[in-house]
Amino acid sequence: MVKLTPAQRQYLKGLAHPLSPVVLIGEKGLTDAVLKEAGRALAAHELIKIKAGSGEKETRSQWMEQICQALDASPVQQIGKILVIYRAAEKPAIQLPR
């Protein structure tokens, strides 16, 4: 997991603003299928939004941490039930500020 600087996180938040969630975490919680789909989405887009179905903030925070650890991704932001996650591709399309 790459540690993002505040400037990089702010830049990614701006890029994520118009995005729609591409992965949904439903009633069964964080399953292997959800992790696989998140991995595919990150490989295709680098920056994704995930919509979490749980109403518990602590549960959503744990899911964010688990997803980032499992997929070697970086947490960008958590607003309500929306999780924003970033993982650079081999040939990154997103150029992060220093």
N, C-alpha and C. Protein backbone atom coordinates (compact mmCIF):
# COMPACT_ATOMS: atom_id res chain seq x y z
N MET A 1 0.85 -1.17 0.00
CA MET A 1 0.00 0.00 0.00
C MET A 1 0.90 1.24 0.00
N VAL A 2 0.68 2.10 -0.96
CA VAL A 2 1.45 3.33 -1.09
C VAL A 2 0.84 4.40 -0.20
N LYS A 3 1.68 5.07 0.55
CA LYS A 3 1.23 6.16 1.41
C LYS A 3 1.11 7.42 0.56
N LEU A 4 -0.08 7.99 0.50
CA LEU A 4 -0.31 9.20 -0.28
C LEU A 4 -0.05 10.44 0.56
N THR A 5 0.52 11.46 -0.07
CA THR A 5 0.71 12.74 0.61
C THR A 5 -0.63 13.47 0.63
N PRO A 6 -0.78 14.46 1.49
CA PRO A 6 -2.03 15.24 1.49
C PRO A 6 -2.35 15.87 0.13
N ALA A 7 -1.34 16.35 -0.56
CA ALA A 7 -1.56 16.95 -1.89
C ALA A 7 -2.04 15.91 -2.89
N GLN A 8 -1.47 14.72 -2.85
CA GLN A 8 -1.90 13.64 -3.74
C GLN A 8 -3.33 13.22 -3.43
N ARG A 9 -3.64 13.09 -2.15
CA ARG A 9 -4.99 12.70 -1.74
C ARG A 9 -6.00 13.76 -2.19
N GLN A 10 -5.67 15.03 -2.04
CA GLN A 10 -6.56 16.11 -2.47
C GLN A 10 -6.78 16.07 -3.97
N TYR A 11 -5.72 15.82 -4.73
CA TYR A 11 -5.82 15.73 -6.19
C TYR A 11 -6.74 14.58 -6.60
N LEU A 12 -6.57 13.42 -5.94
CA LEU A 12 -7.40 12.26 -6.26
C LEU A 12 -8.86 12.48 -5.87
N LYS A 13 -9.11 13.19 -4.77
CA LYS A 13 -10.47 13.51 -4.38
C LYS A 13 -11.17 14.31 -5.47
N GLY A 14 -10.44 15.25 -6.05
CA GLY A 14 -10.99 16.05 -7.15
C GLY A 14 -11.33 15.21 -8.36
N LEU A 15 -10.45 14.26 -8.67
CA LEU A 15 -10.70 13.37 -9.81
C LEU A 15 -11.86 12.42 -9.54
N ALA A 16 -12.04 12.03 -8.28
CA ALA A 16 -13.08 11.06 -7.93
C ALA A 16 -14.46 11.69 -7.84
N HIS A 17 -14.52 12.99 -7.66
CA HIS A 17 -15.82 13.65 -7.43
C HIS A 17 -16.89 13.28 -8.46
N PRO A 18 -16.61 13.32 -9.77
CA PRO A 18 -17.68 13.02 -10.73
C PRO A 18 -17.92 11.52 -10.96
N LEU A 19 -17.10 10.67 -10.38
CA LEU A 19 -17.23 9.23 -10.61
C LEU A 19 -18.45 8.65 -9.91
N SER A 20 -18.98 7.60 -10.48
CA SER A 20 -20.05 6.82 -9.85
C SER A 20 -19.45 5.56 -9.25
N PRO A 21 -20.06 5.01 -8.20
CA PRO A 21 -19.55 3.76 -7.63
C PRO A 21 -19.60 2.63 -8.67
N VAL A 22 -18.51 1.86 -8.74
CA VAL A 22 -18.45 0.75 -9.69
C VAL A 22 -18.53 -0.60 -8.99
N VAL A 23 -18.40 -0.60 -7.67
CA VAL A 23 -18.49 -1.82 -6.87
C VAL A 23 -19.46 -1.55 -5.72
N LEU A 24 -20.29 -2.52 -5.42
CA LEU A 24 -21.24 -2.40 -4.32
C LEU A 24 -20.99 -3.51 -3.31
N ILE A 25 -20.95 -3.15 -2.05
CA ILE A 25 -20.84 -4.13 -0.97
C ILE A 25 -22.25 -4.29 -0.41
N GLY A 26 -22.82 -5.48 -0.57
CA GLY A 26 -24.20 -5.71 -0.18
C GLY A 26 -24.38 -6.29 1.20
N GLU A 27 -25.50 -6.99 1.38
CA GLU A 27 -25.89 -7.56 2.67
C GLU A 27 -24.87 -8.54 3.24
N LYS A 28 -24.20 -9.28 2.36
CA LYS A 28 -23.26 -10.30 2.82
C LYS A 28 -21.91 -9.72 3.23
N GLY A 29 -21.75 -8.44 3.04
CA GLY A 29 -20.51 -7.79 3.47
C GLY A 29 -19.39 -7.93 2.46
N LEU A 30 -18.18 -7.86 2.95
CA LEU A 30 -16.99 -7.90 2.10
C LEU A 30 -16.65 -9.35 1.79
N THR A 31 -17.05 -9.81 0.62
CA THR A 31 -16.82 -11.19 0.21
C THR A 31 -15.66 -11.26 -0.77
N ASP A 32 -15.23 -12.48 -1.09
CA ASP A 32 -14.18 -12.67 -2.08
C ASP A 32 -14.60 -12.12 -3.44
N ALA A 33 -15.87 -12.28 -3.78
CA ALA A 33 -16.37 -11.77 -5.05
C ALA A 33 -16.27 -10.25 -5.12
N VAL A 34 -16.55 -9.58 -4.02
CA VAL A 34 -16.45 -8.11 -3.97
C VAL A 34 -14.99 -7.71 -4.14
N LEU A 35 -14.08 -8.40 -3.47
CA LEU A 35 -12.65 -8.09 -3.60
C LEU A 35 -12.16 -8.30 -5.03
N LYS A 36 -12.60 -9.39 -5.67
CA LYS A 36 -12.19 -9.64 -7.06
C LYS A 36 -12.69 -8.53 -7.98
N GLU A 37 -13.94 -8.15 -7.79
CA GLU A 37 -14.52 -7.10 -8.64
C GLU A 37 -13.80 -5.77 -8.40
N ALA A 38 -13.49 -5.46 -7.16
CA ALA A 38 -12.74 -4.23 -6.86
C ALA A 38 -11.36 -4.28 -7.50
N GLY A 39 -10.72 -5.44 -7.47
CA GLY A 39 -9.42 -5.60 -8.11
C GLY A 39 -9.48 -5.37 -9.62
N ARG A 40 -10.52 -5.92 -10.25
CA ARG A 40 -10.71 -5.71 -11.70
C ARG A 40 -10.95 -4.23 -12.00
N ALA A 41 -11.77 -3.59 -11.18
CA ALA A 41 -12.08 -2.18 -11.40
C ALA A 41 -10.82 -1.31 -11.23
N LEU A 42 -10.02 -1.62 -10.23
CA LEU A 42 -8.78 -0.86 -10.02
C LEU A 42 -7.81 -1.06 -11.19
N ALA A 43 -7.73 -2.28 -11.70
CA ALA A 43 -6.86 -2.54 -12.84
C ALA A 43 -7.29 -1.75 -14.07
N ALA A 44 -8.59 -1.57 -14.21
CA ALA A 44 -9.12 -0.86 -15.38
C ALA A 44 -9.10 0.65 -15.21
N HIS A 45 -9.32 1.14 -14.00
CA HIS A 45 -9.54 2.58 -13.80
C HIS A 45 -8.55 3.28 -12.88
N GLU A 46 -7.81 2.58 -12.06
CA GLU A 46 -6.87 3.12 -11.07
C GLU A 46 -7.56 3.79 -9.87
N LEU A 47 -8.61 4.55 -10.10
CA LEU A 47 -9.31 5.27 -9.05
C LEU A 47 -10.78 4.87 -9.12
N ILE A 48 -11.29 4.31 -8.01
CA ILE A 48 -12.68 3.83 -8.02
C ILE A 48 -13.42 4.27 -6.77
N LYS A 49 -14.75 4.27 -6.91
CA LYS A 49 -15.63 4.46 -5.76
C LYS A 49 -16.33 3.14 -5.49
N ILE A 50 -16.47 2.82 -4.20
CA ILE A 50 -17.18 1.63 -3.76
C ILE A 50 -18.30 2.09 -2.84
N LYS A 51 -19.50 1.58 -3.07
CA LYS A 51 -20.63 1.91 -2.20
C LYS A 51 -20.82 0.78 -1.21
N ALA A 52 -20.75 1.11 0.08
CA ALA A 52 -20.87 0.12 1.15
C ALA A 52 -22.30 0.10 1.66
N GLY A 53 -22.84 -1.09 1.88
CA GLY A 53 -24.22 -1.23 2.30
C GLY A 53 -24.43 -1.10 3.80
N SER A 54 -23.39 -1.19 4.59
CA SER A 54 -23.53 -1.14 6.04
C SER A 54 -23.78 0.27 6.53
N GLY A 55 -24.61 0.39 7.53
CA GLY A 55 -24.87 1.68 8.14
C GLY A 55 -23.88 2.04 9.23
N GLU A 56 -23.03 1.10 9.60
CA GLU A 56 -22.06 1.31 10.68
C GLU A 56 -20.75 1.90 10.15
N LYS A 57 -20.39 3.06 10.67
CA LYS A 57 -19.16 3.73 10.23
C LYS A 57 -17.92 2.87 10.50
N GLU A 58 -17.88 2.23 11.65
CA GLU A 58 -16.72 1.40 12.01
C GLU A 58 -16.57 0.23 11.03
N THR A 59 -17.67 -0.37 10.64
CA THR A 59 -17.64 -1.49 9.68
C THR A 59 -17.10 -1.00 8.34
N ARG A 60 -17.56 0.14 7.88
CA ARG A 60 -17.09 0.68 6.60
C ARG A 60 -15.61 1.01 6.66
N SER A 61 -15.14 1.52 7.79
CA SER A 61 -13.71 1.82 7.94
C SER A 61 -12.88 0.54 7.89
N GLN A 62 -13.38 -0.51 8.52
CA GLN A 62 -12.68 -1.80 8.48
C GLN A 62 -12.65 -2.36 7.06
N TRP A 63 -13.75 -2.23 6.34
CA TRP A 63 -13.79 -2.71 4.96
C TRP A 63 -12.77 -1.96 4.10
N MET A 64 -12.69 -0.66 4.29
CA MET A 64 -11.74 0.15 3.53
C MET A 64 -10.32 -0.36 3.77
N GLU A 65 -9.99 -0.58 5.02
CA GLU A 65 -8.66 -1.07 5.38
C GLU A 65 -8.41 -2.45 4.79
N GLN A 66 -9.38 -3.35 4.89
CA GLN A 66 -9.23 -4.71 4.37
C GLN A 66 -9.07 -4.72 2.86
N ILE A 67 -9.85 -3.91 2.17
CA ILE A 67 -9.76 -3.84 0.71
C ILE A 67 -8.39 -3.33 0.30
N CYS A 68 -7.93 -2.27 0.93
CA CYS A 68 -6.63 -1.69 0.58
C CYS A 68 -5.49 -2.67 0.85
N GLN A 69 -5.55 -3.39 1.96
CA GLN A 69 -4.51 -4.37 2.25
C GLN A 69 -4.54 -5.52 1.27
N ALA A 70 -5.73 -6.04 0.97
CA ALA A 70 -5.85 -7.19 0.08
C ALA A 70 -5.45 -6.87 -1.36
N LEU A 71 -5.70 -5.64 -1.79
CA LEU A 71 -5.46 -5.27 -3.19
C LEU A 71 -4.24 -4.37 -3.38
N ASP A 72 -3.48 -4.15 -2.32
CA ASP A 72 -2.30 -3.27 -2.36
C ASP A 72 -2.69 -1.90 -2.93
N ALA A 73 -3.77 -1.36 -2.41
CA ALA A 73 -4.29 -0.07 -2.85
C ALA A 73 -4.15 0.95 -1.73
N SER A 74 -4.44 2.19 -2.05
CA SER A 74 -4.35 3.27 -1.07
C SER A 74 -5.73 3.89 -0.83
N PRO A 75 -6.08 4.09 0.44
CA PRO A 75 -7.34 4.76 0.73
C PRO A 75 -7.22 6.25 0.41
N VAL A 76 -8.23 6.78 -0.25
CA VAL A 76 -8.22 8.20 -0.59
C VAL A 76 -9.19 8.95 0.32
N GLN A 77 -10.42 8.43 0.42
CA GLN A 77 -11.45 9.17 1.14
C GLN A 77 -12.61 8.24 1.49
N GLN A 78 -13.27 8.55 2.58
CA GLN A 78 -14.50 7.86 2.96
C GLN A 78 -15.51 8.93 3.34
N ILE A 79 -16.57 9.01 2.54
CA ILE A 79 -17.65 9.95 2.83
C ILE A 79 -18.93 9.15 2.92
N GLY A 80 -19.48 9.09 4.11
CA GLY A 80 -20.70 8.30 4.30
C GLY A 80 -20.47 6.86 3.90
N LYS A 81 -21.29 6.38 2.97
CA LYS A 81 -21.18 5.00 2.52
C LYS A 81 -20.31 4.83 1.28
N ILE A 82 -19.63 5.89 0.86
CA ILE A 82 -18.79 5.85 -0.33
C ILE A 82 -17.32 5.78 0.08
N LEU A 83 -16.63 4.77 -0.46
CA LEU A 83 -15.20 4.59 -0.24
C LEU A 83 -14.48 4.90 -1.54
N VAL A 84 -13.42 5.68 -1.49
CA VAL A 84 -12.63 6.01 -2.68
C VAL A 84 -11.26 5.39 -2.50
N ILE A 85 -10.85 4.60 -3.51
CA ILE A 85 -9.61 3.83 -3.42
C ILE A 85 -8.79 4.03 -4.69
N TYR A 86 -7.47 4.08 -4.53
CA TYR A 86 -6.55 4.30 -5.64
C TYR A 86 -5.46 3.24 -5.65
N ARG A 87 -5.14 2.76 -6.85
CA ARG A 87 -3.97 1.89 -7.04
C ARG A 87 -3.41 2.19 -8.42
N ALA A 88 -2.14 2.59 -8.46
CA ALA A 88 -1.51 2.94 -9.73
C ALA A 88 -1.37 1.69 -10.60
N ALA A 89 -1.58 1.88 -11.89
CA ALA A 89 -1.40 0.80 -12.85
C ALA A 89 0.08 0.70 -13.21
N GLU A 90 0.44 -0.36 -13.96
CA GLU A 90 1.83 -0.49 -14.39
C GLU A 90 2.24 0.70 -15.25
N LYS A 91 1.32 1.14 -16.11
CA LYS A 91 1.52 2.35 -16.89
C LYS A 91 0.44 3.33 -16.43
N PRO A 92 0.71 4.11 -15.39
CA PRO A 92 -0.33 4.95 -14.79
C PRO A 92 -0.89 5.99 -15.76
N ALA A 93 -2.21 6.11 -15.76
CA ALA A 93 -2.88 7.15 -16.53
C ALA A 93 -3.01 8.41 -15.68
N ILE A 94 -3.02 8.25 -14.38
CA ILE A 94 -3.14 9.37 -13.45
C ILE A 94 -1.73 9.74 -12.97
N GLN A 95 -1.34 10.98 -13.22
CA GLN A 95 -0.04 11.48 -12.77
C GLN A 95 -0.25 12.24 -11.47
N LEU A 96 0.23 11.68 -10.39
CA LEU A 96 0.07 12.30 -9.06
C LEU A 96 1.07 13.44 -8.88
N PRO A 97 0.62 14.50 -8.21
CA PRO A 97 1.57 15.56 -7.85
C PRO A 97 2.55 15.06 -6.80
N ARG A 98 3.66 15.72 -6.69
CA ARG A 98 4.68 15.28 -5.71
C ARG A 98 4.39 15.79 -4.35
